[in-house]
Each structure stands twice: as C-alpha cells, then as structure tokens.
C-alpha cells in the first residue's frame, strides 16, 4: 500500500453506525471498512464497463452472423 492521505468525510448517521458495526464485526478500522467499500465500488464500475464493451462487440458479431467460435474462425479467414 502507498502513502495514506487523511480525508474528512460526512456520513448519514445510519450509514456511519452500520460502517462502525461492520468494522467491529470484522475486526477492522473504520478507515479499512471505507477503503474496502471504495475498492468494491471500483470493481463494480469496471465490471459494468466490461459488460458494456462485451455487449457492444456481441451485437457487432451477431450483425455479421458470428454466433460460434467456428463462425468467427470462418469470418477471420475470409
């Protein structure tokens, strides 16, 4: 892990209580819980972007009649 940067954030009371409860239950600091939540959010965004790219290229392949790996091989050889 690189150098840490201290930031002050505001959370609604219910969310703060939940984050503190998670920290206690998992034996983590509040900072650790927030860091993990941000990492998970980043992963979720990347997965969503990947699904979008996959969907785009799947549509393009279907438009060209490429439905299987064999179809793709024939297309690439032509």
Protein backbone atom coordinates (compact mmCIF):
# COMPACT_ATOMS: atom_id res chain seq x y z
CA UNK A 1 0.00 0.00 0.00
CA UNK A 2 1.26 3.50 -0.82
CA UNK A 3 1.25 6.56 1.35
CA UNK A 4 -2.05 7.30 3.06
CA UNK A 5 -3.87 10.60 2.71
CA UNK A 6 -6.17 11.73 5.51
CA UNK A 7 -9.59 12.98 4.42
CA UNK A 8 -12.61 14.06 6.37
CA UNK A 9 -15.92 12.70 5.14
CA UNK A 10 -19.51 13.04 6.28
CA UNK A 11 -21.88 10.10 6.51
CA UNK A 12 -25.54 9.94 7.41
CA UNK A 13 -25.98 8.67 10.98
CA UNK A 14 -27.41 5.30 9.93
CA UNK A 15 -24.61 4.66 7.46
CA UNK A 16 -21.96 5.67 9.99
CA UNK A 17 -23.44 3.28 12.57
CA UNK A 18 -23.52 0.48 10.02
CA UNK A 19 -19.91 1.11 8.98
CA UNK A 20 -18.79 1.11 12.63
CA UNK A 21 -20.70 -2.14 13.26
CA UNK A 22 -19.04 -3.75 10.25
CA UNK A 23 -15.63 -2.59 11.48
CA UNK A 24 -16.25 -4.15 14.91
CA UNK A 25 -17.61 -7.38 13.46
CA UNK A 26 -14.72 -7.78 11.03
CA UNK A 27 -12.01 -6.54 13.37
CA UNK A 28 -11.14 -3.68 11.05
CA UNK A 29 -10.76 0.04 11.47
CA UNK A 30 -13.46 2.33 10.16
CA UNK A 31 -10.92 3.50 7.61
CA UNK A 32 -10.39 -0.11 6.49
CA UNK A 33 -14.12 -0.62 6.03
CA UNK A 34 -14.43 2.54 3.92
CA UNK A 35 -11.36 1.59 1.86
CA UNK A 36 -12.82 -1.85 1.14
CA UNK A 37 -16.18 -0.33 0.17
CA UNK A 38 -14.45 2.02 -2.27
CA UNK A 39 -12.42 -0.85 -3.75
CA UNK A 40 -15.59 -2.88 -4.23
CA UNK A 41 -17.32 0.10 -5.85
CA UNK A 42 -14.36 0.48 -8.24
CA UNK A 43 -14.54 -3.22 -9.12
CA UNK A 44 -18.28 -2.89 -9.74
CA UNK A 45 -17.77 0.06 -12.09
CA UNK A 46 -15.10 -1.83 -14.04
CA UNK A 47 -17.33 -4.89 -14.34
CA UNK A 48 -20.16 -2.71 -15.62
CA UNK A 49 -17.84 -1.11 -18.19
CA UNK A 50 -16.67 -4.57 -19.30
CA UNK A 51 -20.26 -5.77 -19.71
CA UNK A 52 -20.93 -2.72 -21.87
CA UNK A 53 -17.93 -3.45 -24.10
CA UNK A 54 -18.86 -7.13 -24.31
CA UNK A 55 -22.42 -6.21 -25.24
CA UNK A 56 -21.22 -3.86 -27.98
CA UNK A 57 -18.97 -6.46 -29.58
CA UNK A 58 -21.57 -9.22 -29.17
CA UNK A 59 -24.06 -7.09 -31.10
CA UNK A 60 -21.47 -6.43 -33.81
CA UNK A 61 -20.71 -10.16 -34.08
CA UNK A 62 -24.41 -11.08 -34.32
CA UNK A 63 -24.87 -8.45 -37.06
CA UNK A 64 -22.23 -10.32 -39.08
CA UNK A 65 -23.73 -13.73 -38.30
CA UNK A 66 -20.93 -14.73 -35.93
CA UNK A 67 -22.57 -16.88 -33.28
CA UNK A 68 -19.94 -19.53 -32.55
CA UNK A 69 -16.16 -19.84 -32.45
CA UNK A 70 -16.36 -21.72 -35.75
CA UNK A 71 -18.26 -18.77 -37.26
CA UNK A 72 -15.55 -16.44 -36.00
CA UNK A 73 -12.77 -18.59 -37.48
CA UNK A 74 -14.55 -18.66 -40.88
CA UNK A 75 -15.05 -14.88 -40.71
CA UNK A 76 -11.40 -14.22 -39.90
CA UNK A 77 -10.21 -16.48 -42.73
CA UNK A 78 -12.36 -14.76 -45.34
